[in-house]
Amino acid sequence: MQWRGRRGSRNIEDRRGQRRAGGGAIRLGGGGLGVVAIVVVAYFLGIDLTPLLDGGSGGSGQVVTQSGELSDREKAMGDFVSVTLADTEEVWQGVFQSDLGRQYDPAVLVLYSGITQSPCGNASGATGPFYCPGDQKVYLDTAFFDTLSQQLGARGDFAAAYVVAHEVAHHVQDELGILSKVNEVRAQSSEAQSNALSVRIELQADCFSGIWARRAEDQIGAIEPGDISEAMNAAAQIGDDTLQREAGRVPMPDSFTHGSSAQRQRWFERGYQSGDLKQCDTFSTRNL
C-alpha cells in the first residue's frame, strides 16, 4: 500500500502522549458470552463491541494519566492510520454523493496507548479496535497491528488498513441507520438470534471494506500488487472458526458473532469485485 508522504486525515484524536493505566474495566451485559469468547471476539477480532457493553457509561474505576514519548514506530503507525482514514473519507464521501445523493459525515479515530475511556466503556488491549456509536468514534491502539501480524499471521500494511476500513465501515452502517436498527432488534432477541444478527452486521462491514479497497484502487491508486491478498488473509485469520480453533475450542457456529473465515473472505471479495452498496445486503440473503 502506497501511503508514505500522502495526505492524512484531520479527524484523528491522538491520546497516545497520555498513557492511561489503572482501574475501570468494561462491564459486559447480558450477551451470554463467556470470558474465553469475549477475549477471542474482542481482542482478536477488534470489531464493534457496543452490544456487549453495559449501559455505555464507561469504566467506573480510577484512571491514572501518565506522560510518554512516542517511539518512531508509533509515530509511523499514527501516520499510516491517518492516511488510511483519509482514504476512507475520500471513498465514502464519493459513494454517498454518487450513490445516495447525500453527504458523508466522517468518523473521528482515537489513537491511544494501553487504555482510554469512551462512552462505550474503557478501550484497552482486551477490547481491540472498535467503533463506538455513542460518540461516533473508532478506538485503536496501534499495538494491535503487532498482534495482527505476529500472533494472528495477518502480515502486511494492507492487512492493517483492512482493520481500519472495517471499523470505519461500522460508522458507515451507523450513518445509514443500519447499526442502530439491528442493535435494537438484537437487544430483544435470544442469544442465538443476537449472534446471527451480529454475524450479518460484521459481514456487511467486510463487504463495505471491499468496496473501499476497490475504490481506493480505482480512484486513489494506493493499492499495490499483493495488497488484496493481504486483506483476504486477514479476513481468514480473524474468522470465528479459525479463532476458536486457535483458542483450543471446537468451532461452534451458533456462537459465531463475526462469521467464519470463508464468509468473511467471501463478503470482502464481493464488495471488492462489485464496488456496489446494493451487493452488500447481508440481511436479505439466506446464504452467507
Protein backbone atom coordinates (compact mmCIF):
# COMPACT_ATOMS: atom_id res chain seq x y z
CA MET A 1 0.00 0.00 0.00
CA GLN A 2 1.40 3.37 -1.02
CA TRP A 3 0.86 5.58 1.99
CA ARG A 4 4.11 7.39 2.86
CA GLY A 5 4.14 11.09 2.08
CA ARG A 6 0.42 11.19 1.37
CA ARG A 7 -2.34 13.33 2.88
CA GLY A 8 -3.55 12.35 6.32
CA SER A 9 -6.94 12.88 7.93
CA ARG A 10 -7.77 15.75 10.23
CA ASN A 11 -10.19 13.51 12.10
CA ILE A 12 -7.53 11.92 14.31
CA GLU A 13 -7.64 12.32 18.08
CA ASP A 14 -4.22 11.24 19.32
CA ARG A 15 -4.22 10.36 23.01
CA ARG A 16 -1.01 8.36 22.89
CA GLY A 17 1.04 11.06 24.61
CA GLN A 18 -1.12 10.42 27.66
CA ARG A 19 -0.81 6.77 28.52
CA ARG A 20 -3.52 5.59 30.86
CA ALA A 21 -3.42 2.87 33.44
CA GLY A 22 -5.48 1.84 36.43
CA GLY A 23 -8.93 0.50 37.27
CA GLY A 24 -12.11 0.53 35.34
CA ALA A 25 -12.91 -2.42 33.19
CA ILE A 26 -15.50 -2.84 30.52
CA ARG A 27 -18.67 -4.17 32.04
CA LEU A 28 -20.29 -6.84 29.93
CA GLY A 29 -24.03 -7.05 29.70
CA GLY A 30 -26.36 -9.94 29.19
CA GLY A 31 -24.95 -11.20 25.92
CA GLY A 32 -24.29 -14.61 27.42
CA LEU A 33 -20.72 -14.85 26.10
CA GLY A 34 -18.15 -16.47 28.34
CA VAL A 35 -14.80 -14.97 29.24
CA VAL A 36 -12.93 -17.01 26.64
CA ALA A 37 -15.34 -15.96 23.91
CA ILE A 38 -15.04 -12.31 24.94
CA VAL A 39 -11.27 -12.46 24.73
CA VAL A 40 -11.41 -14.15 21.33
CA VAL A 41 -14.01 -11.79 19.89
CA ALA A 42 -12.78 -8.57 21.45
CA TYR A 43 -9.03 -8.85 21.42
CA PHE A 44 -8.52 -10.67 18.15
CA LEU A 45 -11.45 -9.53 16.05
CA GLY A 46 -11.49 -5.95 17.20
CA ILE A 47 -14.92 -5.02 15.95
CA ASP A 48 -18.00 -3.21 17.29
CA LEU A 49 -18.50 -4.44 20.85
CA THR A 50 -21.19 -1.92 21.72
CA PRO A 51 -24.00 -4.51 22.01
CA LEU A 52 -21.94 -6.27 24.69
CA LEU A 53 -21.23 -3.19 26.77
CA ASP A 54 -23.32 -2.42 29.82
CA GLY A 55 -25.08 0.89 29.59
CA GLY A 56 -22.35 2.71 27.65
CA SER A 57 -21.42 4.66 30.76
CA GLY A 58 -17.72 3.91 30.73
CA GLY A 59 -15.47 2.37 33.34
CA SER A 60 -16.03 3.26 36.96
CA GLY A 61 -12.51 2.75 38.28
CA GLN A 62 -9.77 5.31 38.73
CA VAL A 63 -7.72 6.12 35.65
CA VAL A 64 -4.20 7.43 36.13
CA THR A 65 -2.68 9.50 33.35
CA GLN A 66 1.00 9.11 32.59
CA SER A 67 3.00 11.05 30.05
CA GLY A 68 5.05 9.14 27.50
CA GLU A 69 7.08 9.87 24.39
CA LEU A 70 6.09 8.17 21.17
CA SER A 71 8.60 5.87 19.53
CA ASP A 72 9.48 6.27 15.86
CA ARG A 73 7.41 3.20 15.09
CA GLU A 74 4.41 4.60 16.97
CA LYS A 75 4.71 7.85 15.05
CA ALA A 76 4.89 5.95 11.75
CA MET A 77 1.88 3.86 12.66
CA GLY A 78 -0.03 7.00 13.55
CA ASP A 79 0.80 8.46 10.15
CA PHE A 80 -0.26 5.22 8.46
CA VAL A 81 -3.63 5.20 10.22
CA SER A 82 -4.16 8.87 9.39
CA VAL A 83 -3.52 8.30 5.68
CA THR A 84 -5.74 5.20 5.64
CA LEU A 85 -8.52 7.11 7.38
CA ALA A 86 -8.21 9.92 4.82
CA ASP A 87 -8.61 7.35 2.06
CA THR A 88 -11.80 6.02 3.66
CA GLU A 89 -13.13 9.56 3.91
CA GLU A 90 -12.47 10.24 0.23
CA VAL A 91 -14.02 6.95 -0.86
CA TRP A 92 -17.13 7.12 1.29
CA GLN A 93 -17.76 10.77 0.51
CA GLY A 94 -17.78 9.80 -3.15
CA VAL A 95 -20.04 6.80 -2.57
CA PHE A 96 -22.54 8.80 -0.53
CA GLN A 97 -22.68 11.56 -3.13
CA SER A 98 -22.88 9.39 -6.25
CA ASP A 99 -24.99 6.51 -4.93
CA LEU A 100 -27.11 8.13 -2.23
CA GLY A 101 -27.16 11.84 -3.09
CA ARG A 102 -26.10 12.86 0.40
CA GLN A 103 -23.09 13.97 2.42
CA TYR A 104 -20.91 11.61 4.38
CA ASP A 105 -20.09 12.71 7.93
CA PRO A 106 -16.75 11.03 8.72
CA ALA A 107 -15.90 9.35 11.99
CA VAL A 108 -13.16 10.51 14.33
CA LEU A 109 -10.47 7.93 15.04
CA VAL A 110 -8.94 7.89 18.51
CA LEU A 111 -5.38 6.63 18.81
CA TYR A 112 -4.44 5.55 22.32
CA SER A 113 -1.84 3.50 24.17
CA GLY A 114 -2.77 0.99 26.85
CA ILE A 115 -6.21 2.16 27.92
CA THR A 116 -8.54 5.10 27.38
CA GLN A 117 -12.16 5.96 28.02
CA SER A 118 -15.10 6.00 25.63
CA PRO A 119 -18.88 6.28 26.04
CA CYS A 120 -18.95 2.54 25.35
CA GLY A 121 -16.60 1.75 28.23
CA ASN A 122 -12.84 1.67 28.56
CA ALA A 123 -10.88 0.84 25.43
CA SER A 124 -7.85 -1.36 26.05
CA GLY A 125 -5.78 -4.20 24.70
CA ALA A 126 -8.55 -6.51 25.96
CA THR A 127 -11.08 -4.94 23.60
CA GLY A 128 -9.06 -4.43 20.46
CA PRO A 129 -10.12 -1.79 17.92
CA PHE A 130 -13.84 -0.99 17.94
CA TYR A 131 -16.40 1.55 16.82
CA CYS A 132 -18.49 3.32 19.45
CA PRO A 133 -21.81 4.73 18.19
CA GLY A 134 -22.09 6.72 21.43
CA ASP A 135 -19.62 9.29 20.12
CA GLN A 136 -19.21 8.01 16.55
CA LYS A 137 -15.52 7.36 17.06
CA VAL A 138 -13.22 4.48 16.22
CA TYR A 139 -10.82 3.47 19.02
CA LEU A 140 -7.48 1.93 18.09
CA ASP A 141 -4.26 1.08 19.91
CA THR A 142 -1.75 0.61 17.09
CA ALA A 143 -0.07 -2.12 19.15
CA PHE A 144 -2.90 -4.27 17.83
CA PHE A 145 -1.14 -4.30 14.47
CA ASP A 146 1.71 -6.26 16.09
CA THR A 147 -0.84 -8.76 17.41
CA LEU A 148 -2.39 -8.97 13.97
CA SER A 149 0.93 -9.69 12.32
CA GLN A 150 2.85 -11.70 14.90
CA GLN A 151 0.13 -13.70 16.65
CA LEU A 152 -2.57 -13.97 14.03
CA GLY A 153 -0.42 -14.32 10.94
CA ALA A 154 -2.09 -11.43 9.10
CA ARG A 155 1.00 -9.60 7.87
CA GLY A 156 1.36 -6.57 5.66
CA ASP A 157 0.30 -2.95 5.81
CA PHE A 158 -2.89 -3.63 3.88
CA ALA A 159 -3.97 -6.17 6.48
CA ALA A 160 -3.73 -3.33 9.00
CA ALA A 161 -5.54 -1.00 6.60
CA TYR A 162 -8.34 -3.58 6.37
CA VAL A 163 -8.79 -3.36 10.16
CA VAL A 164 -9.16 0.43 9.96
CA ALA A 165 -11.51 0.17 6.97
CA HIS A 166 -13.66 -2.40 8.78
CA GLU A 167 -14.12 -0.19 11.82
CA VAL A 168 -14.95 2.78 9.58
CA ALA A 169 -17.46 0.53 7.82
CA HIS A 170 -19.34 0.25 11.11
CA HIS A 171 -19.56 4.03 11.10
CA VAL A 172 -20.92 3.87 7.55
CA GLN A 173 -23.56 1.45 8.85
CA ASP A 174 -24.30 3.94 11.62
CA GLU A 175 -24.63 6.78 9.10
CA LEU A 176 -27.04 4.68 7.05
CA GLY A 177 -29.15 3.87 10.12
CA ILE A 178 -28.43 0.16 9.84
CA LEU A 179 -26.44 -0.30 13.03
CA SER A 180 -28.98 1.24 15.40
CA LYS A 181 -31.92 -0.66 13.89
CA VAL A 182 -30.18 -4.03 14.05
CA ASN A 183 -28.92 -3.46 17.58
CA GLU A 184 -32.46 -2.59 18.68
CA VAL A 185 -33.63 -5.95 17.38
CA ARG A 186 -30.66 -7.72 18.95
CA ALA A 187 -31.50 -6.26 22.35
CA GLN A 188 -34.88 -8.02 22.20
CA SER A 189 -33.60 -11.29 20.77
CA SER A 190 -32.35 -14.56 22.16
CA GLU A 191 -28.61 -15.13 22.35
CA ALA A 192 -28.64 -17.29 19.23
CA GLN A 193 -30.68 -14.73 17.26
CA SER A 194 -28.47 -11.89 18.51
CA ASN A 195 -25.34 -13.75 17.43
CA ALA A 196 -26.82 -14.42 13.99
CA LEU A 197 -27.62 -10.73 13.52
CA SER A 198 -24.14 -9.78 14.72
CA VAL A 199 -22.64 -12.01 12.03
CA ARG A 200 -24.67 -10.19 9.38
CA ILE A 201 -23.53 -6.81 10.72
CA GLU A 202 -19.90 -7.87 10.59
CA LEU A 203 -20.07 -9.48 7.16
CA GLN A 204 -21.70 -6.36 5.76
CA ALA A 205 -18.82 -4.34 7.24
CA ASP A 206 -16.43 -6.70 5.47
CA CYS A 207 -18.31 -6.12 2.21
CA PHE A 208 -18.13 -2.35 2.76
CA SER A 209 -14.40 -2.75 3.37
CA GLY A 210 -14.15 -4.46 0.00
CA ILE A 211 -15.92 -1.51 -1.63
CA TRP A 212 -13.39 0.80 -0.02
CA ALA A 213 -10.50 -1.31 -1.33
CA ARG A 214 -11.91 -1.33 -4.87
CA ARG A 215 -12.48 2.40 -4.98
CA ALA A 216 -9.16 3.17 -3.30
CA GLU A 217 -7.55 1.18 -6.09
CA ASP A 218 -9.53 2.82 -8.89
CA GLN A 219 -9.75 6.41 -7.62
CA ILE A 220 -6.71 6.92 -5.41
CA GLY A 221 -4.22 4.45 -6.84
CA ALA A 222 -2.94 3.49 -3.40
CA ILE A 223 -3.26 -0.27 -3.86
CA GLU A 224 -0.16 -2.28 -4.76
CA PRO A 225 0.17 -5.88 -6.02
CA GLY A 226 -0.43 -8.27 -3.15
CA ASP A 227 -2.49 -5.85 -1.06
CA ILE A 228 -5.83 -7.53 -1.69
CA SER A 229 -4.29 -10.89 -0.84
CA GLU A 230 -3.14 -9.41 2.49
CA ALA A 231 -6.69 -8.25 3.25
CA MET A 232 -8.14 -11.62 2.27
CA ASN A 233 -5.64 -13.38 4.51
CA ALA A 234 -6.52 -11.06 7.40
CA ALA A 235 -10.21 -11.81 6.88
CA ALA A 236 -9.42 -15.52 7.04
CA GLN A 237 -7.24 -15.27 10.13
CA ILE A 238 -9.93 -13.48 12.15
CA GLY A 239 -12.85 -15.71 11.22
CA ASP A 240 -14.74 -17.09 14.21
CA ASP A 241 -13.98 -20.71 13.35
CA THR A 242 -10.25 -20.06 12.96
CA LEU A 243 -10.03 -18.08 16.18
CA GLN A 244 -11.96 -20.66 18.16
CA ARG A 245 -9.59 -23.36 16.94
CA GLU A 246 -6.61 -21.19 17.88
CA ALA A 247 -8.13 -20.82 21.35
CA GLY A 248 -8.28 -24.62 21.66
CA ARG A 249 -12.03 -24.85 21.14
CA VAL A 250 -14.16 -26.78 18.70
CA PRO A 251 -15.83 -24.23 16.38
CA MET A 252 -19.47 -23.72 17.36
CA PRO A 253 -21.39 -21.87 14.61
CA ASP A 254 -24.21 -20.86 16.97
CA SER A 255 -21.67 -18.88 18.98
CA PHE A 256 -20.22 -17.07 15.96
CA THR A 257 -20.62 -13.30 16.12
CA HIS A 258 -18.47 -12.23 13.16
CA GLY A 259 -18.66 -15.03 10.62
CA SER A 260 -16.41 -17.86 9.52
CA SER A 261 -13.14 -17.29 7.70
CA ALA A 262 -14.74 -18.32 4.40
CA GLN A 263 -17.70 -16.00 4.93
CA ARG A 264 -15.50 -13.02 5.80
CA GLN A 265 -13.37 -13.57 2.73
CA ARG A 266 -16.41 -14.07 0.52
CA TRP A 267 -18.11 -10.84 1.57
CA PHE A 268 -14.94 -8.77 1.38
CA GLU A 269 -14.37 -10.12 -2.13
CA ARG A 270 -17.99 -9.42 -3.06
CA GLY A 271 -17.60 -5.77 -2.10
CA TYR A 272 -14.25 -5.54 -3.88
CA GLN A 273 -15.49 -7.12 -7.09
CA SER A 274 -18.75 -5.16 -7.28
CA GLY A 275 -17.94 -1.82 -5.65
CA ASP A 276 -21.69 -1.60 -5.10
CA LEU A 277 -23.53 -0.96 -1.82
CA LYS A 278 -26.52 -2.97 -3.05
CA GLN A 279 -24.37 -6.09 -3.24
CA CYS A 280 -23.65 -5.85 0.50
CA ASP A 281 -27.15 -6.61 1.76
CA THR A 282 -26.32 -9.40 4.19
CA PHE A 283 -29.74 -9.16 5.84
CA SER A 284 -31.93 -10.36 2.98
CA THR A 285 -29.87 -13.33 1.87
CA ARG A 286 -30.11 -16.84 3.28
CA ASN A 287 -26.71 -17.90 2.02
CA LEU A 288 -23.97 -16.03 3.86
